[in-house]
Structures are given as C-alpha cells and as structure tokens.
Amino acid sequence: MSKHILRFVVAKRAATKPSPELDFTIRVDRPVKPNYPDWGEMRLVHPELELAGPHEYNLQTEVGILHLDESKRRSVSGKEIYKYISDKGVLTSCLNLQDGVAIQKKGDVMFRSLYANRVIPLWASVIENHDGDWFVPCLVTRLEFRSRKVRILWYKVNSVFNSVVFVHKSPQG
C-alpha cells in the first residue's frame, strides 16, 4: 500500500502565454443552486458544500492544485482520490459545480490558456444516483464544429483520474 502525500503545486500553464486581455476573475452567485442532470432520483453526497466557496476569485492566482503524490503512479481511481480528500479534510476547499458553471461562462480560450486539455473534477459536487453510482462533474474541452468548447460532463467516481485536485487557496464560506 502506497503512502499518500498531498502537496500544493502551481498549475502547469499551456504552452502559449495567456493573453493580457483575458479576464481570470471568476464571480459565483453562491445563493443560486446550480442545475443538476435530470437522471431521476439522486442526492448530493455533501449538500453542505453545494453553495460553499468564495464569491469572487482569480482563477490564475487563487486556484491551485493539490497533487496526490504517488510513487510511480500518474493516475488513480476517483474513488480513492475522493476517500483520501474526504478523510484529510480537503474536500471543503475543492471546486464545486457552481465554480464549474462560472468558469465555463468565461469561455474556452481562458480555460485552455490555464489548463490546456485537462479534465478538472469538481469534487465538492459528487452526486449519487438511484442505483447507488457516484458521479463527479468535470470541466473538459470538447471539439464541436471545428472549435473547442468548455463543457461540464459527469464521470463515474470510480473512473481513473490524474492524481490532482483543484482547490481554492483561501476557501471562504
């Protein structure tokens, strides 16, 4: 069994430099609940985190990566990541679906300038469906009609993810 260590690292930037015209300020209307998939009966695993987080932050400077340091492992199951960040109290600092919607609204150029083609799991918004399966919303870029768009897709938690967790450096309630 490998020993997990969480360490904070700066997100790697895409090969191209971000344009100075890009606005990295993310504004989140925390009292407004986000829309969830219409998959019938489902529940938020941690409803207390649904509206949590800062109302405004700079995505470039105030959101970083906690790297799940694994010996010789570049990816790990989402179930393992989720359990670890829950046990260590990191989940309350993770990005949620509200953050994802606000980041998505900023557009693909800004997103790709910071994260290239990374999948960004929003761990604070895991849901459980009527079959007991857990899903995590993820920010991804997808090619649509010859251009890339930022989308929120839902992945099963027991999928394999890169061993990184995106968090607010200074979480606020």
N, C-alpha and C. Protein backbone atom coordinates (compact mmCIF):
# COMPACT_ATOMS: atom_id res chain seq x y z
N MET A 1 0.84 -1.19 0.00
CA MET A 1 0.00 0.00 0.00
C MET A 1 0.88 1.25 0.00
N SER A 2 0.64 2.13 -0.95
CA SER A 2 1.48 3.32 -1.04
C SER A 2 1.02 4.38 -0.04
N LYS A 3 1.96 5.20 0.35
CA LYS A 3 1.65 6.28 1.28
C LYS A 3 1.29 7.53 0.48
N HIS A 4 0.14 8.10 0.76
CA HIS A 4 -0.32 9.30 0.06
C HIS A 4 0.21 10.54 0.75
N ILE A 5 0.60 11.51 -0.05
CA ILE A 5 1.01 12.80 0.48
C ILE A 5 0.36 13.86 -0.41
N LEU A 6 -0.35 14.78 0.19
CA LEU A 6 -0.91 15.89 -0.58
C LEU A 6 0.08 17.03 -0.51
N ARG A 7 0.42 17.57 -1.66
CA ARG A 7 1.29 18.74 -1.68
C ARG A 7 0.72 19.74 -2.67
N PHE A 8 0.81 21.00 -2.33
CA PHE A 8 0.26 22.06 -3.17
C PHE A 8 1.27 22.44 -4.24
N VAL A 9 0.86 22.47 -5.48
CA VAL A 9 1.73 22.88 -6.57
C VAL A 9 0.99 23.87 -7.45
N VAL A 10 1.73 24.66 -8.20
CA VAL A 10 1.14 25.62 -9.12
C VAL A 10 0.71 24.86 -10.37
N ALA A 11 -0.46 25.20 -10.87
CA ALA A 11 -0.97 24.55 -12.08
C ALA A 11 -0.03 24.82 -13.24
N LYS A 12 0.26 23.78 -14.03
CA LYS A 12 1.07 23.96 -15.23
C LYS A 12 0.25 24.73 -16.25
N ARG A 13 0.87 25.69 -16.87
CA ARG A 13 0.19 26.50 -17.87
C ARG A 13 0.35 25.88 -19.25
N ALA A 14 -0.53 26.22 -20.14
CA ALA A 14 -0.45 25.75 -21.52
C ALA A 14 0.81 26.32 -22.17
N ALA A 15 1.19 25.76 -23.30
CA ALA A 15 2.42 26.18 -23.97
C ALA A 15 2.37 27.65 -24.38
N THR A 16 1.21 28.15 -24.74
CA THR A 16 1.10 29.55 -25.13
C THR A 16 0.85 30.41 -23.90
N LYS A 17 1.40 31.62 -23.93
CA LYS A 17 1.20 32.53 -22.80
C LYS A 17 -0.22 33.07 -22.82
N PRO A 18 -0.85 33.21 -21.64
CA PRO A 18 -2.19 33.81 -21.61
C PRO A 18 -2.16 35.24 -22.14
N SER A 19 -3.17 35.59 -22.87
CA SER A 19 -3.30 36.94 -23.40
C SER A 19 -3.58 37.91 -22.25
N PRO A 20 -2.94 39.08 -22.26
CA PRO A 20 -3.20 40.05 -21.18
C PRO A 20 -4.65 40.55 -21.19
N GLU A 21 -5.35 40.35 -22.32
CA GLU A 21 -6.74 40.78 -22.40
C GLU A 21 -7.70 39.84 -21.69
N LEU A 22 -7.25 38.65 -21.34
CA LEU A 22 -8.14 37.67 -20.71
C LEU A 22 -8.43 38.07 -19.27
N ASP A 23 -9.67 37.92 -18.88
CA ASP A 23 -10.08 38.22 -17.51
C ASP A 23 -10.21 36.90 -16.76
N PHE A 24 -9.39 36.71 -15.74
CA PHE A 24 -9.38 35.47 -14.98
C PHE A 24 -10.22 35.56 -13.70
N THR A 25 -10.96 36.66 -13.54
CA THR A 25 -11.79 36.83 -12.35
C THR A 25 -13.06 35.99 -12.50
N ILE A 26 -13.28 35.10 -11.55
CA ILE A 26 -14.46 34.24 -11.54
C ILE A 26 -15.41 34.78 -10.48
N ARG A 27 -16.64 35.03 -10.89
CA ARG A 27 -17.67 35.52 -9.97
C ARG A 27 -18.75 34.46 -9.87
N VAL A 28 -19.05 34.07 -8.65
CA VAL A 28 -20.02 32.99 -8.41
C VAL A 28 -21.16 33.53 -7.57
N ASP A 29 -22.38 33.34 -8.04
CA ASP A 29 -23.57 33.74 -7.29
C ASP A 29 -23.91 32.57 -6.35
N ARG A 30 -23.30 32.55 -5.18
CA ARG A 30 -23.39 31.40 -4.27
C ARG A 30 -24.81 31.07 -3.81
N PRO A 31 -25.71 32.03 -3.62
CA PRO A 31 -27.05 31.65 -3.16
C PRO A 31 -27.87 30.89 -4.22
N VAL A 32 -27.45 30.94 -5.48
CA VAL A 32 -28.21 30.29 -6.56
C VAL A 32 -27.73 28.86 -6.76
N LYS A 33 -28.63 27.91 -6.58
CA LYS A 33 -28.28 26.50 -6.76
C LYS A 33 -28.05 26.18 -8.23
N PRO A 34 -27.02 25.39 -8.53
CA PRO A 34 -26.77 25.02 -9.92
C PRO A 34 -27.76 23.94 -10.39
N ASN A 35 -27.83 23.76 -11.70
CA ASN A 35 -28.68 22.72 -12.27
C ASN A 35 -27.92 21.40 -12.32
N TYR A 36 -28.60 20.35 -11.95
CA TYR A 36 -28.02 19.01 -11.98
C TYR A 36 -28.68 18.20 -13.09
N PRO A 37 -28.04 17.11 -13.51
CA PRO A 37 -28.65 16.28 -14.56
C PRO A 37 -30.01 15.75 -14.11
N ASP A 38 -30.90 15.59 -15.04
CA ASP A 38 -32.22 15.05 -14.75
C ASP A 38 -32.18 13.54 -14.94
N TRP A 39 -31.59 12.87 -13.98
CA TRP A 39 -31.43 11.42 -14.04
C TRP A 39 -32.39 10.72 -13.09
N GLY A 40 -33.48 11.35 -12.77
CA GLY A 40 -34.39 10.76 -11.81
C GLY A 40 -33.92 11.06 -10.40
N GLU A 41 -34.21 10.13 -9.51
CA GLU A 41 -33.85 10.33 -8.10
C GLU A 41 -32.34 10.32 -7.91
N MET A 42 -31.82 11.36 -7.25
CA MET A 42 -30.40 11.44 -6.93
C MET A 42 -30.22 12.36 -5.74
N ARG A 43 -29.04 12.27 -5.14
CA ARG A 43 -28.75 13.11 -3.98
C ARG A 43 -27.31 13.60 -4.04
N LEU A 44 -27.11 14.79 -3.49
CA LEU A 44 -25.75 15.29 -3.31
C LEU A 44 -25.11 14.53 -2.16
N VAL A 45 -23.90 14.08 -2.34
CA VAL A 45 -23.21 13.35 -1.28
C VAL A 45 -22.86 14.29 -0.14
N HIS A 46 -22.50 15.52 -0.45
CA HIS A 46 -22.20 16.53 0.57
C HIS A 46 -22.99 17.81 0.28
N PRO A 47 -24.27 17.86 0.64
CA PRO A 47 -25.08 19.04 0.34
C PRO A 47 -24.57 20.31 1.01
N GLU A 48 -23.83 20.18 2.09
CA GLU A 48 -23.30 21.36 2.78
C GLU A 48 -22.25 22.10 1.93
N LEU A 49 -21.74 21.46 0.88
CA LEU A 49 -20.73 22.09 0.02
C LEU A 49 -21.33 22.67 -1.26
N GLU A 50 -22.64 22.49 -1.45
CA GLU A 50 -23.29 22.89 -2.69
C GLU A 50 -23.14 24.39 -2.99
N LEU A 51 -23.24 25.22 -1.97
CA LEU A 51 -23.17 26.67 -2.15
C LEU A 51 -21.93 27.28 -1.48
N ALA A 52 -20.93 26.45 -1.19
CA ALA A 52 -19.74 26.89 -0.46
C ALA A 52 -18.67 27.43 -1.40
N GLY A 53 -17.84 28.30 -0.87
CA GLY A 53 -16.71 28.83 -1.62
C GLY A 53 -16.75 30.33 -1.71
N PRO A 54 -15.65 30.92 -2.18
CA PRO A 54 -15.60 32.38 -2.31
C PRO A 54 -16.54 32.87 -3.41
N HIS A 55 -17.05 34.08 -3.25
CA HIS A 55 -17.94 34.67 -4.24
C HIS A 55 -17.17 35.18 -5.46
N GLU A 56 -15.92 35.53 -5.25
CA GLU A 56 -15.09 36.04 -6.34
C GLU A 56 -13.65 35.62 -6.09
N TYR A 57 -12.97 35.22 -7.16
CA TYR A 57 -11.56 34.85 -7.05
C TYR A 57 -10.91 34.90 -8.42
N ASN A 58 -9.60 34.97 -8.43
CA ASN A 58 -8.84 34.98 -9.67
C ASN A 58 -8.40 33.55 -9.95
N LEU A 59 -8.88 33.01 -11.04
CA LEU A 59 -8.59 31.62 -11.38
C LEU A 59 -7.10 31.39 -11.62
N GLN A 60 -6.41 32.40 -12.09
CA GLN A 60 -5.00 32.28 -12.40
C GLN A 60 -4.13 32.26 -11.15
N THR A 61 -4.53 32.99 -10.10
CA THR A 61 -3.66 33.12 -8.94
C THR A 61 -4.22 32.52 -7.65
N GLU A 62 -5.52 32.28 -7.57
CA GLU A 62 -6.10 31.84 -6.32
C GLU A 62 -6.65 30.41 -6.33
N VAL A 63 -6.49 29.72 -7.45
CA VAL A 63 -6.88 28.32 -7.51
C VAL A 63 -5.64 27.54 -7.89
N GLY A 64 -5.33 26.53 -7.10
CA GLY A 64 -4.14 25.75 -7.35
C GLY A 64 -4.46 24.27 -7.37
N ILE A 65 -3.41 23.50 -7.41
CA ILE A 65 -3.55 22.05 -7.49
C ILE A 65 -2.95 21.42 -6.24
N LEU A 66 -3.70 20.51 -5.66
CA LEU A 66 -3.11 19.61 -4.67
C LEU A 66 -2.78 18.33 -5.43
N HIS A 67 -1.54 17.96 -5.39
CA HIS A 67 -1.11 16.78 -6.12
C HIS A 67 -1.06 15.59 -5.17
N LEU A 68 -1.76 14.55 -5.52
CA LEU A 68 -1.72 13.32 -4.73
C LEU A 68 -0.45 12.60 -5.14
N ASP A 69 0.58 12.77 -4.33
CA ASP A 69 1.91 12.26 -4.65
C ASP A 69 1.94 10.75 -4.50
N GLU A 70 2.08 10.08 -5.59
CA GLU A 70 2.08 8.61 -5.60
C GLU A 70 3.42 8.14 -6.15
N SER A 71 3.97 7.11 -5.57
CA SER A 71 5.20 6.58 -6.12
C SER A 71 4.88 5.85 -7.42
N LYS A 72 5.43 6.35 -8.52
CA LYS A 72 5.31 5.75 -9.84
C LYS A 72 3.88 5.66 -10.37
N ARG A 73 2.94 6.44 -9.85
CA ARG A 73 1.56 6.42 -10.36
C ARG A 73 1.20 7.79 -10.87
N ARG A 74 0.71 7.84 -12.09
CA ARG A 74 0.29 9.12 -12.67
C ARG A 74 -1.22 9.28 -12.60
N SER A 75 -1.92 8.18 -12.40
CA SER A 75 -3.37 8.26 -12.29
C SER A 75 -3.83 7.32 -11.18
N VAL A 76 -5.03 7.59 -10.71
CA VAL A 76 -5.57 6.85 -9.58
C VAL A 76 -7.09 6.85 -9.73
N SER A 77 -7.75 5.90 -9.11
CA SER A 77 -9.21 5.87 -9.23
C SER A 77 -9.82 7.06 -8.50
N GLY A 78 -10.90 7.56 -9.06
CA GLY A 78 -11.60 8.68 -8.44
C GLY A 78 -12.10 8.34 -7.06
N LYS A 79 -12.48 7.08 -6.88
CA LYS A 79 -12.96 6.63 -5.57
C LYS A 79 -11.86 6.79 -4.52
N GLU A 80 -10.64 6.44 -4.90
CA GLU A 80 -9.50 6.55 -3.99
C GLU A 80 -9.19 8.03 -3.69
N ILE A 81 -9.22 8.88 -4.72
CA ILE A 81 -8.99 10.31 -4.52
C ILE A 81 -10.06 10.88 -3.60
N TYR A 82 -11.32 10.56 -3.90
CA TYR A 82 -12.44 11.11 -3.12
C TYR A 82 -12.33 10.71 -1.64
N LYS A 83 -12.04 9.45 -1.38
CA LYS A 83 -11.91 8.98 0.00
C LYS A 83 -10.76 9.71 0.70
N TYR A 84 -9.65 9.84 0.01
CA TYR A 84 -8.48 10.48 0.61
C TYR A 84 -8.74 11.95 0.93
N ILE A 85 -9.30 12.70 -0.04
CA ILE A 85 -9.52 14.13 0.23
C ILE A 85 -10.62 14.33 1.26
N SER A 86 -11.56 13.40 1.35
CA SER A 86 -12.59 13.47 2.40
C SER A 86 -11.97 13.23 3.76
N ASP A 87 -11.18 12.18 3.87
CA ASP A 87 -10.54 11.82 5.14
C ASP A 87 -9.59 12.91 5.63
N LYS A 88 -8.92 13.61 4.71
CA LYS A 88 -7.93 14.62 5.08
C LYS A 88 -8.53 16.02 5.23
N GLY A 89 -9.85 16.18 5.02
CA GLY A 89 -10.49 17.47 5.19
C GLY A 89 -10.27 18.44 4.04
N VAL A 90 -9.82 17.94 2.90
CA VAL A 90 -9.53 18.78 1.74
C VAL A 90 -10.79 19.06 0.92
N LEU A 91 -11.78 18.21 1.02
CA LEU A 91 -12.99 18.31 0.21
C LEU A 91 -13.66 19.67 0.33
N THR A 92 -13.63 20.29 1.50
CA THR A 92 -14.28 21.59 1.70
C THR A 92 -13.60 22.71 0.92
N SER A 93 -12.37 22.50 0.45
CA SER A 93 -11.66 23.50 -0.36
C SER A 93 -11.76 23.24 -1.85
N CYS A 94 -12.34 22.11 -2.22
CA CYS A 94 -12.41 21.74 -3.64
C CYS A 94 -13.42 22.59 -4.39
N LEU A 95 -13.21 22.70 -5.69
CA LEU A 95 -14.16 23.40 -6.54
C LEU A 95 -15.46 22.60 -6.62
N ASN A 96 -16.59 23.33 -6.77
CA ASN A 96 -17.89 22.66 -6.88
C ASN A 96 -18.54 23.00 -8.22
N LEU A 97 -19.75 22.51 -8.42
CA LEU A 97 -20.46 22.72 -9.68
C LEU A 97 -20.69 24.20 -9.95
N GLN A 98 -20.96 25.00 -8.92
CA GLN A 98 -21.11 26.45 -9.12
C GLN A 98 -19.85 27.05 -9.72
N ASP A 99 -18.68 26.64 -9.21
CA ASP A 99 -17.41 27.12 -9.76
C ASP A 99 -17.29 26.70 -11.22
N GLY A 100 -17.64 25.45 -11.51
CA GLY A 100 -17.55 24.95 -12.87
C GLY A 100 -18.40 25.73 -13.84
N VAL A 101 -19.62 26.06 -13.45
CA VAL A 101 -20.52 26.83 -14.32
C VAL A 101 -19.94 28.23 -14.56
N ALA A 102 -19.42 28.86 -13.51
CA ALA A 102 -18.84 30.20 -13.65
C ALA A 102 -17.58 30.18 -14.53
N ILE A 103 -16.76 29.15 -14.38
CA ILE A 103 -15.55 29.02 -15.20
C ILE A 103 -15.95 28.76 -16.65
N GLN A 104 -16.94 27.92 -16.86
CA GLN A 104 -17.42 27.60 -18.20
C GLN A 104 -17.88 28.86 -18.93
N LYS A 105 -18.54 29.76 -18.22
CA LYS A 105 -19.03 31.01 -18.82
C LYS A 105 -17.90 31.90 -19.32
N LYS A 106 -16.70 31.75 -18.75
CA LYS A 106 -15.56 32.57 -19.16
C LYS A 106 -15.04 32.17 -20.54
N GLY A 107 -15.35 30.97 -20.99
CA GLY A 107 -15.01 30.55 -22.34
C GLY A 107 -13.78 29.67 -22.44
N ASP A 108 -13.66 29.10 -23.63
CA ASP A 108 -12.62 28.10 -23.85
C ASP A 108 -11.22 28.69 -23.97
N VAL A 109 -11.07 29.92 -24.48
CA VAL A 109 -9.73 30.50 -24.63
C VAL A 109 -9.09 30.70 -23.26
N MET A 110 -9.84 31.27 -22.33
CA MET A 110 -9.32 31.48 -20.98
C MET A 110 -9.01 30.13 -20.32
N PHE A 111 -9.94 29.18 -20.42
CA PHE A 111 -9.77 27.87 -19.79
C PHE A 111 -8.52 27.17 -20.34
N ARG A 112 -8.40 27.11 -21.65
CA ARG A 112 -7.26 26.41 -22.25
C ARG A 112 -5.94 27.13 -22.00
N SER A 113 -5.97 28.45 -21.81
CA SER A 113 -4.73 29.17 -21.53
C SER A 113 -4.15 28.75 -20.18
N LEU A 114 -5.01 28.31 -19.28
CA LEU A 114 -4.54 27.86 -17.96
C LEU A 114 -4.38 26.35 -17.88
N TYR A 115 -5.30 25.61 -18.45
CA TYR A 115 -5.36 24.16 -18.20
C TYR A 115 -5.22 23.29 -19.43
N ALA A 116 -4.98 23.89 -20.60
CA ALA A 116 -4.82 23.13 -21.85
C ALA A 116 -6.00 22.16 -22.01
N ASN A 117 -5.72 20.89 -22.10
CA ASN A 117 -6.79 19.91 -22.31
C ASN A 117 -7.04 19.05 -21.08
N ARG A 118 -6.80 19.59 -19.92
CA ARG A 118 -7.02 18.84 -18.68
C ARG A 118 -8.50 18.65 -18.38
N VAL A 119 -8.79 17.57 -17.69
CA VAL A 119 -10.12 17.34 -17.13
C VAL A 119 -10.05 17.83 -15.69
N ILE A 120 -10.98 18.71 -15.31
CA ILE A 120 -10.97 19.31 -13.97
C ILE A 120 -12.17 18.77 -13.18
N PRO A 121 -11.96 17.77 -12.32
CA PRO A 121 -13.07 17.27 -11.49
C PRO A 121 -13.48 18.30 -10.45
N LEU A 122 -14.78 18.43 -10.24
CA LEU A 122 -15.34 19.36 -9.26
C LEU A 122 -15.80 18.52 -8.07
N TRP A 123 -14.84 18.09 -7.26
CA TRP A 123 -15.06 17.07 -6.23
C TRP A 123 -16.09 17.44 -5.17
N ALA A 124 -16.34 18.71 -4.95
CA ALA A 124 -17.29 19.12 -3.90
C ALA A 124 -18.75 18.91 -4.32
N SER A 125 -18.97 18.47 -5.57
CA SER A 125 -20.35 18.30 -6.06
C SER A 125 -20.66 16.88 -6.52
N VAL A 126 -20.11 15.90 -5.85
CA VAL A 126 -20.39 14.50 -6.20
C VAL A 126 -21.85 14.18 -5.90
N ILE A 127 -22.50 13.48 -6.84
CA ILE A 127 -23.89 13.05 -6.64
C ILE A 127 -23.97 11.53 -6.67
N GLU A 128 -25.02 11.01 -6.06
CA GLU A 128 -25.31 9.58 -6.08
C GLU A 128 -26.65 9.39 -6.76
N ASN A 129 -26.70 8.50 -7.76
CA ASN A 129 -27.98 8.28 -8.44
C ASN A 129 -28.78 7.16 -7.75
N HIS A 130 -29.93 6.85 -8.31
CA HIS A 130 -30.84 5.88 -7.69
C HIS A 130 -30.26 4.46 -7.65
N ASP A 131 -29.24 4.18 -8.48
CA ASP A 131 -28.60 2.86 -8.46
C ASP A 131 -27.43 2.78 -7.49
N GLY A 132 -27.13 3.89 -6.82
CA GLY A 132 -26.00 3.92 -5.89
C GLY A 132 -24.68 4.28 -6.54
N ASP A 133 -24.70 4.62 -7.84
CA ASP A 133 -23.47 5.04 -8.52
C ASP A 133 -23.18 6.50 -8.21
N TRP A 134 -21.91 6.82 -8.00
CA TRP A 134 -21.48 8.18 -7.71
C TRP A 134 -20.90 8.80 -8.98
N PHE A 135 -21.23 10.08 -9.20
CA PHE A 135 -20.73 10.82 -10.36
C PHE A 135 -20.15 12.15 -9.91
N VAL A 136 -19.09 12.58 -10.61
CA VAL A 136 -18.46 13.87 -10.33
C VAL A 136 -18.53 14.72 -11.60
N PRO A 137 -18.96 16.00 -11.47
CA PRO A 137 -18.93 16.86 -12.64
C PRO A 137 -17.50 17.26 -12.94
N CYS A 138 -17.17 17.35 -14.23
CA CYS A 138 -15.81 17.71 -14.64
C CYS A 138 -15.85 18.74 -15.75
N LEU A 139 -14.98 19.72 -15.65
CA LEU A 139 -14.80 20.67 -16.75
C LEU A 139 -13.87 20.04 -17.77
N VAL A 140 -14.28 20.05 -19.01
CA VAL A 140 -13.47 19.49 -20.10
C VAL A 140 -13.61 20.39 -21.32
N THR A 141 -12.65 20.30 -22.23
CA THR A 141 -12.82 20.97 -23.52
C THR A 141 -13.13 19.89 -24.54
N ARG A 142 -14.09 20.16 -25.39
CA ARG A 142 -14.52 19.22 -26.40
C ARG A 142 -14.55 19.92 -27.76
N LEU A 143 -14.12 19.20 -28.79
CA LEU A 143 -14.17 19.72 -30.13
C LEU A 143 -15.60 19.64 -30.65
N GLU A 144 -16.15 20.79 -31.00
CA GLU A 144 -17.51 20.85 -31.53
C GLU A 144 -17.53 21.80 -32.72
N PHE A 145 -17.85 21.28 -33.88
CA PHE A 145 -17.94 22.09 -35.10
C PHE A 145 -16.67 22.91 -35.32
N ARG A 146 -15.54 22.23 -35.29
CA ARG A 146 -14.21 22.81 -35.56
C ARG A 146 -13.70 23.79 -34.51
N SER A 147 -14.34 23.87 -33.39
CA SER A 147 -13.81 24.72 -32.31
C SER A 147 -13.97 23.99 -30.98
N ARG A 148 -13.15 24.35 -30.04
CA ARG A 148 -13.21 23.71 -28.72
C ARG A 148 -14.13 24.51 -27.82
N LYS A 149 -14.94 23.81 -27.05
CA LYS A 149 -15.87 24.42 -26.10
C LYS A 149 -15.64 23.81 -24.73
N VAL A 150 -15.78 24.64 -23.70
CA VAL A 150 -15.69 24.13 -22.33
C VAL A 150 -17.06 23.56 -21.97
N ARG A 151 -17.07 22.34 -21.51
CA ARG A 151 -18.31 21.66 -21.15
C ARG A 151 -18.18 21.06 -19.75
N ILE A 152 -19.32 20.82 -19.14
CA ILE A 152 -19.34 20.08 -17.88
C ILE A 152 -19.92 18.71 -18.19
N LEU A 153 -19.10 17.69 -18.01
CA LEU A 153 -19.52 16.31 -18.22
C LEU A 153 -19.44 15.58 -16.88
N TRP A 154 -20.27 14.57 -16.73
CA TRP A 154 -20.32 13.81 -15.48
C TRP A 154 -19.65 12.46 -15.67
N TYR A 155 -18.66 12.18 -14.82
CA TYR A 155 -17.92 10.92 -14.87
C TYR A 155 -18.22 10.11 -13.62
N LYS A 156 -18.24 8.80 -13.78
CA LYS A 156 -18.39 7.95 -12.60
C LYS A 156 -17.17 8.15 -11.70
N VAL A 157 -17.41 8.20 -10.41
CA VAL A 157 -16.32 8.42 -9.46
C VAL A 157 -15.29 7.29 -9.51
N ASN A 158 -15.71 6.09 -9.86
CA ASN A 158 -14.73 5.00 -9.91
C ASN A 158 -13.96 4.97 -11.23
N SER A 159 -14.06 6.03 -12.05
CA SER A 159 -13.22 6.17 -13.23
C SER A 159 -11.79 6.48 -12.78
N VAL A 160 -10.87 6.46 -13.73
CA VAL A 160 -9.48 6.78 -13.42
C VAL A 160 -9.22 8.25 -13.75
N PHE A 161 -8.59 8.95 -12.82
CA PHE A 161 -8.28 10.37 -12.98
C PHE A 161 -6.80 10.60 -12.79
N ASN A 162 -6.30 11.73 -13.32
CA ASN A 162 -4.96 12.15 -12.94
C ASN A 162 -5.02 12.47 -11.45
N SER A 163 -3.93 12.28 -10.78
CA SER A 163 -3.94 12.41 -9.33
C SER A 163 -3.76 13.85 -8.88
N VAL A 164 -4.64 14.73 -9.38
CA VAL A 164 -4.61 16.13 -8.97
C VAL A 164 -6.00 16.56 -8.53
N VAL A 165 -6.04 17.51 -7.61
CA VAL A 165 -7.28 18.04 -7.08
C VAL A 165 -7.16 19.56 -7.12
N PHE A 166 -8.13 20.23 -7.75
CA PHE A 166 -8.12 21.69 -7.85
C PHE A 166 -8.85 22.28 -6.65
N VAL A 167 -8.19 23.23 -5.97
CA VAL A 167 -8.73 23.78 -4.74
C VAL A 167 -8.58 25.30 -4.71
N HIS A 168 -9.43 25.93 -3.90
CA HIS A 168 -9.27 27.35 -3.58
C HIS A 168 -8.14 27.44 -2.58
N LYS A 169 -7.18 28.36 -2.81
CA LYS A 169 -6.06 28.52 -1.87
C LYS A 169 -6.56 29.04 -0.54
N SER A 170 -7.52 29.95 -0.57
CA SER A 170 -8.08 30.52 0.66
C SER A 170 -9.58 30.35 0.63
N PRO A 171 -10.10 29.16 0.98
CA PRO A 171 -11.55 28.95 0.90
C PRO A 171 -12.30 29.85 1.87
N GLN A 172 -13.45 30.33 1.38
CA GLN A 172 -14.33 31.15 2.20
C GLN A 172 -15.71 30.53 2.17
N GLY A 173 -16.48 30.64 3.23
CA GLY A 173 -17.79 30.05 3.26
C GLY A 173 -18.87 30.90 2.75
